[in-house]
Amino acid sequence: MNSWLRDVGTIALISLDPGEDVLDSLGTACREHAIRDGVVLSGIGTLDRCRLHCVTTTGYPPEETYPEWRDEPLELLSLAGTIIAGVPHVHASISNASGAWGGHLEPGCRVLYLAEIAIMRLGGPALQRSSDDRGVTRLQ
């Protein structure tokens, strides 16, 4: 296990409009607010398109699936993740009338009515990700 102590910084609250891509908007907010390293504290709203990335096995390399929803009303129940070197790594929980799902947020998740996201900037030395000999990415 590795751990880091960081100074808590400013919290940016962003509000997304209908049609905006959630992941693209997070990247834009990081650039606009100079958030190099941070934490996605929360995210709620509605979507009409969503694509998640999920692992389906416990072996390595993992088998993966990419469930998608298009042109249907979805509740964005939560967002949580990290921002390292300006790159968001975010997981989402979503639901519709037939169930709830979660996974890694992929490009193409589009706001239906609104989305509100809180991001906290972290201070201290810059964080980075690196890959081990299997290609597994780790925080450093």
C-alpha atoms as a PDB file:
ATOM      1  CA  MET A   1       0.000   0.000   0.000  1.00  0.00           C
ATOM      2  CA  ASN A   2       1.130   3.520  -0.763  1.00  0.00           C
ATOM      3  CA  SER A   3      -0.400   6.606   0.774  1.00  0.00           C
ATOM      4  CA  TRP A   4       0.047  10.353   0.456  1.00  0.00           C
ATOM      5  CA  LEU A   5      -0.869  13.254   2.656  1.00  0.00           C
ATOM      6  CA  ARG A   6      -2.150  16.260   0.733  1.00  0.00           C
ATOM      7  CA  ASP A   7      -3.349  19.693   1.689  1.00  0.00           C
ATOM      8  CA  VAL A   8      -7.062  20.260   1.201  1.00  0.00           C
ATOM      9  CA  GLY A   9      -7.666  23.045  -1.261  1.00  0.00           C
ATOM     10  CA  THR A  10     -10.408  24.965  -2.916  1.00  0.00           C
ATOM     11  CA  ILE A  11     -13.618  23.237  -3.924  1.00  0.00           C
ATOM     12  CA  ALA A  12     -14.958  23.943  -7.416  1.00  0.00           C
ATOM     13  CA  LEU A  13     -18.665  23.416  -8.011  1.00  0.00           C
ATOM     14  CA  ILE A  14     -19.609  22.954 -11.638  1.00  0.00           C
ATOM     15  CA  SER A  15     -23.064  22.921 -13.143  1.00  0.00           C
ATOM     16  CA  LEU A  16     -23.513  21.257 -16.528  1.00  0.00           C
ATOM     17  CA  ASP A  17     -26.179  22.104 -19.073  1.00  0.00           C
ATOM     18  CA  PRO A  18     -28.273  19.779 -21.239  1.00  0.00           C
ATOM     19  CA  GLY A  19     -26.219  18.134 -23.969  1.00  0.00           C
ATOM     20  CA  GLU A  20     -22.827  18.524 -22.296  1.00  0.00           C
ATOM     21  CA  ASP A  21     -20.493  15.527 -22.026  1.00  0.00           C
ATOM     22  CA  VAL A  22     -19.712  14.838 -18.352  1.00  0.00           C
ATOM     23  CA  LEU A  23     -16.108  13.655 -18.777  1.00  0.00           C
ATOM     24  CA  ASP A  24     -15.189  16.411 -21.263  1.00  0.00           C
ATOM     25  CA  SER A  25     -16.709  19.005 -18.945  1.00  0.00           C
ATOM     26  CA  LEU A  26     -14.698  17.688 -15.988  1.00  0.00           C
ATOM     27  CA  GLY A  27     -11.499  18.043 -18.017  1.00  0.00           C
ATOM     28  CA  THR A  28     -12.459  21.585 -19.033  1.00  0.00           C
ATOM     29  CA  ALA A  29     -13.236  22.529 -15.422  1.00  0.00           C
ATOM     30  CA  CYS A  30      -9.840  21.184 -14.327  1.00  0.00           C
ATOM     31  CA  ARG A  31      -8.082  23.347 -16.906  1.00  0.00           C
ATOM     32  CA  GLU A  32     -10.171  26.459 -16.154  1.00  0.00           C
ATOM     33  CA  HIS A  33      -9.648  26.160 -12.389  1.00  0.00           C
ATOM     34  CA  ALA A  34      -6.008  24.955 -12.558  1.00  0.00           C
ATOM     35  CA  ILE A  35      -6.808  21.640 -10.870  1.00  0.00           C
ATOM     36  CA  ARG A  36      -3.813  19.412 -11.559  1.00  0.00           C
ATOM     37  CA  ASP A  37      -4.542  16.947  -8.754  1.00  0.00           C
ATOM     38  CA  GLY A  38      -7.918  16.624  -7.073  1.00  0.00           C
ATOM     39  CA  VAL A  39     -10.802  14.542  -5.872  1.00  0.00           C
ATOM     40  CA  VAL A  40     -14.270  14.307  -7.384  1.00  0.00           C
ATOM     41  CA  LEU A  41     -16.325  14.542  -4.201  1.00  0.00           C
ATOM     42  CA  SER A  42     -19.824  14.179  -5.608  1.00  0.00           C
ATOM     43  CA  GLY A  43     -21.880  14.328  -8.738  1.00  0.00           C
ATOM     44  CA  ILE A  44     -25.626  14.126  -9.291  1.00  0.00           C
ATOM     45  CA  GLY A  45     -28.003  14.835 -12.129  1.00  0.00           C
ATOM     46  CA  THR A  46     -29.715  13.287 -15.131  1.00  0.00           C
ATOM     47  CA  LEU A  47     -28.332  11.762 -18.318  1.00  0.00           C
ATOM     48  CA  ASP A  48     -29.835  10.665 -21.615  1.00  0.00           C
ATOM     49  CA  ARG A  49     -26.736   8.775 -22.752  1.00  0.00           C
ATOM     50  CA  CYS A  50     -24.210   6.835 -20.727  1.00  0.00           C
ATOM     51  CA  ARG A  51     -21.333   4.445 -21.326  1.00  0.00           C
ATOM     52  CA  LEU A  52     -19.597   2.648 -18.462  1.00  0.00           C
ATOM     53  CA  HIS A  53     -16.551   0.382 -18.320  1.00  0.00           C
ATOM     54  CA  CYS A  54     -16.830  -2.683 -16.075  1.00  0.00           C
ATOM     55  CA  VAL A  55     -14.542  -5.649 -15.422  1.00  0.00           C
ATOM     56  CA  THR A  56     -16.254  -9.040 -15.570  1.00  0.00           C
ATOM     57  CA  THR A  57     -13.522 -11.411 -14.335  1.00  0.00           C
ATOM     58  CA  THR A  58     -11.051 -11.627 -11.473  1.00  0.00           C
ATOM     59  CA  GLY A  59      -8.135 -12.923 -13.568  1.00  0.00           C
ATOM     60  CA  TYR A  60      -5.470 -10.956 -15.379  1.00  0.00           C
ATOM     61  CA  PRO A  61      -5.794  -9.581 -17.927  1.00  0.00           C
ATOM     62  CA  PRO A  62      -9.387  -8.785 -17.007  1.00  0.00           C
ATOM     63  CA  GLU A  63     -12.281  -9.305 -19.350  1.00  0.00           C
ATOM     64  CA  GLU A  64     -14.291  -6.126 -19.738  1.00  0.00           C
ATOM     65  CA  THR A  65     -17.694  -4.945 -20.866  1.00  0.00           C
ATOM     66  CA  TYR A  66     -18.982  -1.529 -21.890  1.00  0.00           C
ATOM     67  CA  PRO A  67     -22.719  -1.256 -21.150  1.00  0.00           C
ATOM     68  CA  GLU A  68     -24.409   1.654 -22.939  1.00  0.00           C
ATOM     69  CA  TRP A  69     -27.688   3.494 -22.667  1.00  0.00           C
ATOM     70  CA  ARG A  70     -28.819   5.790 -25.501  1.00  0.00           C
ATOM     71  CA  ASP A  71     -31.683   8.240 -25.633  1.00  0.00           C
ATOM     72  CA  GLU A  72     -33.340   7.176 -22.385  1.00  0.00           C
ATOM     73  CA  PRO A  73     -33.783   9.005 -19.077  1.00  0.00           C
ATOM     74  CA  LEU A  74     -31.169   8.069 -16.462  1.00  0.00           C
ATOM     75  CA  GLU A  75     -30.535   9.324 -12.953  1.00  0.00           C
ATOM     76  CA  LEU A  76     -26.907  10.098 -12.186  1.00  0.00           C
ATOM     77  CA  LEU A  77     -26.853   8.892  -8.578  1.00  0.00           C
ATOM     78  CA  SER A  78     -23.213   9.585  -7.804  1.00  0.00           C
ATOM     79  CA  LEU A  79     -19.771  10.363  -9.176  1.00  0.00           C
ATOM     80  CA  ALA A  80     -16.527   9.737  -7.295  1.00  0.00           C
ATOM     81  CA  GLY A  81     -12.929   9.678  -8.401  1.00  0.00           C
ATOM     82  CA  THR A  82      -9.531  11.279  -8.646  1.00  0.00           C
ATOM     83  CA  ILE A  83      -7.856  13.779 -10.914  1.00  0.00           C
ATOM     84  CA  ILE A  84      -4.162  13.115 -11.418  1.00  0.00           C
ATOM     85  CA  ALA A  85      -2.054  15.341 -13.682  1.00  0.00           C
ATOM     86  CA  GLY A  86      -5.279  16.969 -14.887  1.00  0.00           C
ATOM     87  CA  VAL A  87      -6.824  13.656 -16.018  1.00  0.00           C
ATOM     88  CA  PRO A  88     -10.114  12.605 -14.362  1.00  0.00           C
ATOM     89  CA  HIS A  89     -10.569   8.946 -13.355  1.00  0.00           C
ATOM     90  CA  VAL A  90     -14.203   8.785 -12.318  1.00  0.00           C
ATOM     91  CA  HIS A  91     -16.693   6.075 -11.396  1.00  0.00           C
ATOM     92  CA  ALA A  92     -20.444   6.550 -11.644  1.00  0.00           C
ATOM     93  CA  SER A  93     -23.644   5.043 -10.336  1.00  0.00           C
ATOM     94  CA  ILE A  94     -26.694   5.431 -12.555  1.00  0.00           C
ATOM     95  CA  SER A  95     -30.265   4.147 -12.546  1.00  0.00           C
ATOM     96  CA  ASN A  96     -33.438   3.962 -14.591  1.00  0.00           C
ATOM     97  CA  ALA A  97     -36.852   2.432 -13.961  1.00  0.00           C
ATOM     98  CA  SER A  98     -35.463  -1.116 -14.316  1.00  0.00           C
ATOM     99  CA  GLY A  99     -32.358  -1.003 -12.116  1.00  0.00           C
ATOM    100  CA  ALA A 100     -29.067   0.564 -11.077  1.00  0.00           C
ATOM    101  CA  TRP A 101     -25.532   0.119 -12.429  1.00  0.00           C
ATOM    102  CA  GLY A 102     -22.054   1.347 -11.700  1.00  0.00           C
ATOM    103  CA  GLY A 103     -18.672   1.452 -13.361  1.00  0.00           C
ATOM    104  CA  HIS A 104     -15.892   3.586 -14.774  1.00  0.00           C
ATOM    105  CA  LEU A 105     -17.269   6.680 -16.541  1.00  0.00           C
ATOM    106  CA  GLU A 106     -16.510   6.681 -20.274  1.00  0.00           C
ATOM    107  CA  PRO A 107     -16.774   9.487 -22.848  1.00  0.00           C
ATOM    108  CA  GLY A 108     -20.260   9.952 -24.262  1.00  0.00           C
ATOM    109  CA  CYS A 109     -22.205  10.394 -21.028  1.00  0.00           C
ATOM    110  CA  ARG A 110     -24.534  13.267 -21.899  1.00  0.00           C
ATOM    111  CA  VAL A 111     -26.488  15.523 -19.522  1.00  0.00           C
ATOM    112  CA  LEU A 112     -30.263  15.368 -19.922  1.00  0.00           C
ATOM    113  CA  TYR A 113     -31.480  18.218 -17.670  1.00  0.00           C
ATOM    114  CA  LEU A 114     -28.638  19.097 -15.323  1.00  0.00           C
ATOM    115  CA  ALA A 115     -25.573  17.764 -13.540  1.00  0.00           C
ATOM    116  CA  GLU A 116     -23.810  19.235 -10.521  1.00  0.00           C
ATOM    117  CA  ILE A 117     -20.305  18.124  -9.604  1.00  0.00           C
ATOM    118  CA  ALA A 118     -17.989  19.067  -6.729  1.00  0.00           C
ATOM    119  CA  ILE A 119     -14.212  18.840  -7.238  1.00  0.00           C
ATOM    120  CA  MET A 120     -11.640  19.507  -4.502  1.00  0.00           C
ATOM    121  CA  ARG A 121      -8.168  20.667  -5.536  1.00  0.00           C
ATOM    122  CA  LEU A 122      -5.292  18.938  -3.704  1.00  0.00           C
ATOM    123  CA  GLY A 123      -2.109  20.742  -2.730  1.00  0.00           C
ATOM    124  CA  GLY A 124       1.357  19.347  -2.216  1.00  0.00           C
ATOM    125  CA  PRO A 125       3.816  17.699  -4.591  1.00  0.00           C
ATOM    126  CA  ALA A 126       2.405  16.663  -7.971  1.00  0.00           C
ATOM    127  CA  LEU A 127       0.914  13.181  -8.197  1.00  0.00           C
ATOM    128  CA  GLN A 128       1.334  10.923 -11.219  1.00  0.00           C
ATOM    129  CA  ARG A 129       0.282   7.532 -12.502  1.00  0.00           C
ATOM    130  CA  SER A 130       2.656   4.916 -13.869  1.00  0.00           C
ATOM    131  CA  SER A 131       2.225   1.414 -15.269  1.00  0.00           C
ATOM    132  CA  ASP A 132       3.799  -1.711 -13.838  1.00  0.00           C
ATOM    133  CA  ASP A 133       5.243  -4.530 -15.983  1.00  0.00           C
ATOM    134  CA  ARG A 134       1.719  -5.910 -16.638  1.00  0.00           C
ATOM    135  CA  GLY A 135       0.401  -2.507 -17.741  1.00  0.00           C
ATOM    136  CA  VAL A 136      -1.571  -1.961 -14.540  1.00  0.00           C
ATOM    137  CA  THR A 137      -1.725   1.743 -13.753  1.00  0.00           C
ATOM    138  CA  ARG A 138      -0.859   2.857 -10.222  1.00  0.00           C
ATOM    139  CA  LEU A 139      -0.805   6.176  -8.422  1.00  0.00           C
ATOM    140  CA  GLN A 140       2.666   7.491  -7.508  1.00  0.00           C
END
